[in-house]
Amino acid sequence: MRQGLRAARSKRRPPVAFCALALALAVGALSACTGGGTNSTANDGKSAQLPYGGTISPAPPGKYKTLPQPCAAVDLDTLKALVPGGTDYAGTESLTYDTDRRVGCSWKATAPDGRSRALTIDMERVVSYDPAVSDEVEANSDFADLADAASIPTLPPPGTTPTTTPPTTPTTGSDGGTPPTGAGGSSQDLSPRQLPDVGNAAFINDVHSTSKGTARRVVTLVFRTANVVVSIRYSQSSPAATPPPQSVDLQGGAQRVASQLEHRVEG
């Protein structure tokens, strides 16, 4: 009878190998539930695991975490001087989906003589999603792409002697006036070029066109300060009966705005 009882008990007892397998599966399931820290670190956009072990050290975050209010970034006196004839200088804010990442504003007015001027500013706080690339490096890459797209000549390396190529200035036929002169009577460079004294990097572009008797000039100035890229577009359209837009006026106005925006971003 005792032998029969032992046989019955042995039939109800699971094999040892089966118990070990069940225990391993249970431990694995528990590890999957409690081991989420590694996955979340790899997906946070600033660090990642290497395929053969180790991790990539996260790049430093960008200097700027917010952007200034765009329609208040240019002072009223400047707006009245650059966009004359306006009745409301509150500006029209650009439609963006994340004002911590990108903002903009525009102003436009037509003077009594028929000349119209428009000013648009755009500020983007660049964020890198590559854990090995900093926000500032990513912003510098975006700025370089914009400069290349505008065919802006590069500045000579520091410490080298620049070429003696004379500066390019608008002629009377394209600009409608005598090219301006700088200090000492030398011609002022108004060609598309890099600006060494604005932000960390900057360039200015100048495009003139004529269509159906209306002369139009568009000056674009783009600069980068740390991880923020700022674009300024300043344009004038003039009917045939009015003086055509002058490069020196529009470029000077764009640089005036750039100086203010640089301080607003840093403030």
Protein backbone atom coordinates (compact mmCIF):
# COMPACT_ATOMS: atom_id res chain seq x y z
CA MET A 1 0.00 0.00 0.00
CA ARG A 2 2.89 2.34 0.79
CA GLN A 3 4.38 1.62 -2.60
CA GLY A 4 1.10 2.53 -4.29
CA LEU A 5 0.93 5.87 -2.39
CA ARG A 6 4.47 6.81 -3.41
CA ALA A 7 3.67 6.01 -7.03
CA ALA A 8 0.58 8.23 -6.94
CA ARG A 9 2.53 11.14 -5.44
CA SER A 10 5.30 10.81 -8.05
CA LYS A 11 2.73 11.07 -10.83
CA ARG A 12 1.41 14.38 -9.43
CA ARG A 13 4.93 15.92 -8.98
CA PRO A 14 6.21 17.81 -12.08
CA PRO A 15 9.65 16.82 -13.38
CA VAL A 16 12.63 18.84 -12.05
CA ALA A 17 13.57 20.09 -15.56
CA PHE A 18 10.09 21.50 -16.05
CA CYS A 19 10.28 23.39 -12.73
CA ALA A 20 13.62 24.92 -13.69
CA LEU A 21 12.24 26.07 -17.05
CA ALA A 22 9.18 27.64 -15.44
CA LEU A 23 11.36 29.49 -12.93
CA ALA A 24 13.60 30.87 -15.71
CA LEU A 25 10.61 32.13 -17.65
CA ALA A 26 9.21 33.82 -14.57
CA VAL A 27 12.52 35.58 -13.83
CA GLY A 28 12.74 36.73 -17.45
CA ALA A 29 9.24 38.16 -17.36
CA LEU A 30 10.02 40.01 -14.11
CA SER A 31 13.20 41.44 -15.63
CA ALA A 32 11.28 42.67 -18.68
CA CYS A 33 8.82 44.46 -16.43
CA THR A 34 11.40 46.10 -14.17
CA GLY A 35 14.26 46.72 -16.62
CA GLY A 36 12.80 49.70 -18.55
CA GLY A 37 15.58 52.11 -17.54
CA THR A 38 17.94 50.97 -20.30
CA ASN A 39 15.35 51.38 -23.05
CA SER A 40 14.22 54.82 -21.89
CA THR A 41 17.83 56.03 -21.77
CA ALA A 42 18.41 54.88 -25.32
CA ASN A 43 15.32 56.72 -26.58
CA ASP A 44 15.61 60.06 -24.80
CA GLY A 45 17.31 61.72 -27.80
CA LYS A 46 20.47 62.71 -25.92
CA SER A 47 22.16 59.38 -25.14
CA ALA A 48 22.34 55.95 -26.70
CA GLN A 49 23.90 52.52 -26.20
CA LEU A 50 26.62 51.34 -28.53
CA PRO A 51 25.98 48.00 -30.29
CA TYR A 52 28.97 46.33 -28.61
CA GLY A 53 28.57 47.77 -25.15
CA GLY A 54 29.14 51.20 -23.60
CA THR A 55 27.24 54.42 -24.18
CA ILE A 56 27.67 57.67 -26.09
CA SER A 57 28.24 60.63 -23.80
CA PRO A 58 25.40 63.13 -24.35
CA ALA A 59 26.37 66.34 -26.14
CA PRO A 60 25.97 69.58 -24.16
CA PRO A 61 22.51 71.22 -24.39
CA GLY A 62 21.98 74.48 -26.26
CA LYS A 63 22.65 77.83 -24.59
CA TYR A 64 19.14 79.16 -25.17
CA LYS A 65 16.01 77.39 -23.94
CA THR A 66 13.41 79.98 -25.00
CA LEU A 67 12.87 82.67 -27.64
CA PRO A 68 11.84 86.34 -27.27
CA GLN A 69 8.37 87.58 -28.16
CA PRO A 70 8.86 88.30 -31.90
CA CYS A 71 6.48 91.22 -32.46
CA ALA A 72 8.08 93.10 -29.55
CA ALA A 73 11.64 92.33 -30.61
CA VAL A 74 12.04 95.39 -32.87
CA ASP A 75 11.56 98.79 -31.25
CA LEU A 76 8.85 101.17 -32.44
CA ASP A 77 11.20 103.91 -33.70
CA THR A 78 13.00 101.40 -35.90
CA LEU A 79 9.72 100.07 -37.31
CA LYS A 80 8.49 103.58 -38.15
CA ALA A 81 11.77 104.36 -39.91
CA LEU A 82 12.02 101.12 -41.87
CA VAL A 83 8.32 100.59 -42.67
CA PRO A 84 7.01 104.16 -43.15
CA GLY A 85 3.35 104.87 -43.72
CA GLY A 86 2.01 102.26 -41.34
CA THR A 87 -1.00 102.85 -39.11
CA ASP A 88 -0.45 99.89 -36.79
CA TYR A 89 2.98 98.59 -35.83
CA ALA A 90 1.80 95.73 -33.62
CA GLY A 91 2.91 93.28 -36.32
CA THR A 92 1.46 89.99 -37.51
CA GLU A 93 2.81 87.02 -35.61
CA SER A 94 3.78 83.96 -37.68
CA LEU A 95 1.79 80.77 -37.21
CA THR A 96 4.03 78.17 -35.56
CA TYR A 97 3.27 74.99 -33.65
CA ASP A 98 5.86 75.39 -30.88
CA THR A 99 6.77 78.92 -29.80
CA ASP A 100 9.65 77.58 -27.71
CA ARG A 101 11.22 76.36 -30.94
CA ARG A 102 10.25 78.91 -33.60
CA VAL A 103 8.64 82.36 -33.71
CA GLY A 104 8.26 85.15 -36.26
CA CYS A 105 6.57 88.44 -37.03
CA SER A 106 6.00 90.69 -40.06
CA TRP A 107 5.18 94.31 -40.77
CA LYS A 108 4.12 95.93 -44.05
CA ALA A 109 3.06 99.42 -45.08
CA THR A 110 2.67 101.57 -48.19
CA ALA A 111 3.87 105.17 -48.15
CA PRO A 112 1.83 107.99 -49.79
CA ASP A 113 4.14 107.97 -52.84
CA GLY A 114 3.26 104.33 -53.55
CA ARG A 115 6.43 102.72 -52.27
CA SER A 116 5.75 99.71 -50.07
CA ARG A 117 8.14 98.19 -47.57
CA ALA A 118 7.91 94.91 -45.69
CA LEU A 119 9.93 93.49 -42.81
CA THR A 120 9.76 89.87 -41.69
CA ILE A 121 11.76 88.25 -38.90
CA ASP A 122 12.06 84.55 -38.05
CA MET A 123 13.83 83.03 -35.04
CA GLU A 124 14.46 79.31 -34.65
CA ARG A 125 15.92 77.57 -31.60
CA VAL A 126 17.66 74.55 -33.04
CA VAL A 127 17.57 71.24 -31.14
CA SER A 128 19.72 68.26 -32.11
CA TYR A 129 18.26 64.78 -31.75
CA ASP A 130 21.63 63.12 -32.32
CA PRO A 131 23.12 62.30 -28.90
CA ALA A 132 26.64 62.91 -30.23
CA VAL A 133 25.85 66.33 -31.80
CA SER A 134 25.23 69.45 -29.72
CA ASP A 135 22.42 71.91 -30.44
CA GLU A 136 24.97 74.57 -31.36
CA VAL A 137 26.75 72.33 -33.86
CA GLU A 138 23.38 71.47 -35.42
CA ALA A 139 22.49 75.19 -35.63
CA ASN A 140 25.83 75.93 -37.29
CA SER A 141 25.13 73.20 -39.86
CA ASP A 142 21.68 74.70 -40.61
CA PHE A 143 23.25 78.16 -41.00
CA ALA A 144 25.89 76.79 -43.39
CA ASP A 145 23.16 75.18 -45.53
CA LEU A 146 21.37 78.53 -45.82
CA ALA A 147 24.60 80.30 -46.77
CA ASP A 148 25.37 77.66 -49.41
CA ALA A 149 21.86 77.92 -50.84
CA ALA A 150 22.38 81.69 -51.25
CA SER A 151 25.85 81.15 -52.82
CA ILE A 152 27.52 83.32 -50.18
CA PRO A 153 31.34 83.43 -50.50
CA THR A 154 33.22 82.07 -47.50
CA LEU A 155 35.43 84.25 -45.35
CA PRO A 156 39.20 83.62 -45.49
CA PRO A 157 40.59 81.61 -42.55
CA PRO A 158 41.66 83.70 -39.52
CA GLY A 159 45.19 85.04 -39.82
CA THR A 160 45.29 84.90 -43.62
CA THR A 161 45.43 87.85 -46.00
CA PRO A 162 42.17 88.34 -47.90
CA THR A 163 42.25 88.57 -51.66
CA THR A 164 42.48 91.99 -53.25
CA THR A 165 39.39 91.50 -55.40
CA PRO A 166 37.56 94.87 -55.42
CA PRO A 167 34.14 94.89 -53.75
CA THR A 168 31.09 94.54 -55.93
CA THR A 169 28.74 97.51 -55.86
CA PRO A 170 25.44 98.07 -57.63
CA THR A 171 25.61 100.09 -60.82
CA THR A 172 23.45 103.05 -61.69
CA GLY A 173 21.39 100.95 -64.10
CA SER A 174 20.42 98.27 -61.56
CA ASP A 175 20.10 100.37 -58.46
CA GLY A 176 18.91 103.66 -59.91
CA GLY A 177 21.49 105.80 -58.10
CA THR A 178 25.14 106.46 -57.60
CA PRO A 179 26.89 103.71 -55.62
CA PRO A 180 27.48 104.90 -52.05
CA THR A 181 30.95 105.53 -50.74
CA GLY A 182 32.43 104.61 -47.41
CA ALA A 183 35.21 106.16 -45.34
CA GLY A 184 37.98 107.68 -47.38
CA GLY A 185 35.86 107.74 -50.52
CA SER A 186 36.20 103.98 -51.18
CA SER A 187 33.24 102.09 -52.57
CA GLN A 188 31.13 100.29 -50.00
CA ASP A 189 30.80 96.54 -50.45
CA LEU A 190 27.13 95.76 -51.03
CA SER A 191 27.59 92.35 -52.62
CA PRO A 192 26.22 89.15 -51.05
CA ARG A 193 28.75 88.39 -48.34
CA GLN A 194 29.42 87.13 -44.84
CA LEU A 195 29.25 89.64 -41.99
CA PRO A 196 32.00 89.04 -39.42
CA ASP A 197 30.59 91.24 -36.66
CA VAL A 198 27.04 89.90 -36.27
CA GLY A 199 26.41 86.97 -33.91
CA ASN A 200 28.64 83.92 -34.20
CA ALA A 201 28.18 83.88 -37.99
CA ALA A 202 26.13 85.94 -40.42
CA PHE A 203 25.58 86.68 -44.09
CA ILE A 204 23.61 89.19 -46.13
CA ASN A 205 22.09 88.68 -49.57
CA ASP A 206 20.68 91.31 -51.93
CA VAL A 207 18.39 90.56 -54.89
CA HIS A 208 17.00 93.18 -57.29
CA SER A 209 14.31 92.60 -59.91
CA THR A 210 11.97 94.59 -62.15
CA SER A 211 8.56 93.43 -63.30
CA LYS A 212 5.78 95.36 -65.06
CA GLY A 213 7.34 98.71 -64.28
CA THR A 214 7.80 97.96 -60.58
CA ALA A 215 11.30 97.74 -59.13
CA ARG A 216 11.74 95.38 -56.20
CA ARG A 217 14.71 94.72 -53.94
CA VAL A 218 14.85 92.05 -51.25
CA VAL A 219 17.62 92.01 -48.66
CA THR A 220 17.99 88.89 -46.52
CA LEU A 221 20.21 88.80 -43.45
CA VAL A 222 20.72 85.54 -41.55
CA PHE A 223 22.78 85.14 -38.41
CA ARG A 224 23.43 82.50 -35.78
CA THR A 225 24.00 83.08 -32.08
CA ALA A 226 24.73 79.84 -30.19
CA ASN A 227 21.81 77.48 -30.98
CA VAL A 228 19.45 80.13 -32.41
CA VAL A 229 19.27 81.01 -36.13
CA VAL A 230 17.65 84.36 -36.99
CA SER A 231 16.46 85.36 -40.48
CA ILE A 232 15.56 88.93 -41.47
CA ARG A 233 13.87 89.75 -44.77
CA TYR A 234 13.55 93.43 -45.66
CA SER A 235 12.09 94.45 -49.02
CA GLN A 236 10.84 97.45 -50.97
CA SER A 237 8.68 97.71 -54.09
CA SER A 238 8.64 100.99 -55.99
CA PRO A 239 6.37 102.06 -58.88
CA ALA A 240 8.05 103.41 -62.00
CA ALA A 241 7.31 107.03 -61.05
CA THR A 242 9.17 106.78 -57.71
CA PRO A 243 12.88 106.36 -56.87
CA PRO A 244 13.90 102.69 -57.01
CA PRO A 245 14.93 100.88 -53.83
CA GLN A 246 18.52 101.46 -52.79
CA SER A 247 20.80 98.67 -51.61
CA VAL A 248 22.52 100.84 -49.04
CA ASP A 249 19.19 101.79 -47.41
CA LEU A 250 17.78 98.27 -47.21
CA GLN A 251 21.03 96.62 -46.14
CA GLY A 252 21.53 99.27 -43.46
CA GLY A 253 17.97 98.70 -42.20
CA ALA A 254 18.42 94.92 -42.07
CA GLN A 255 21.64 95.29 -40.09
CA ARG A 256 19.91 97.68 -37.68
CA VAL A 257 17.25 95.04 -37.01
CA ALA A 258 19.90 92.32 -36.64
CA SER A 259 21.64 94.30 -33.92
CA GLN A 260 18.40 94.57 -31.94
CA LEU A 261 17.46 90.91 -32.37
CA GLU A 262 20.90 89.75 -31.30
CA HIS A 263 20.45 91.59 -28.00
CA ARG A 264 16.87 90.33 -27.59
CA VAL A 265 17.95 86.70 -27.95
CA GLU A 266 20.80 87.16 -25.49
CA GLY A 267 18.56 89.05 -23.06
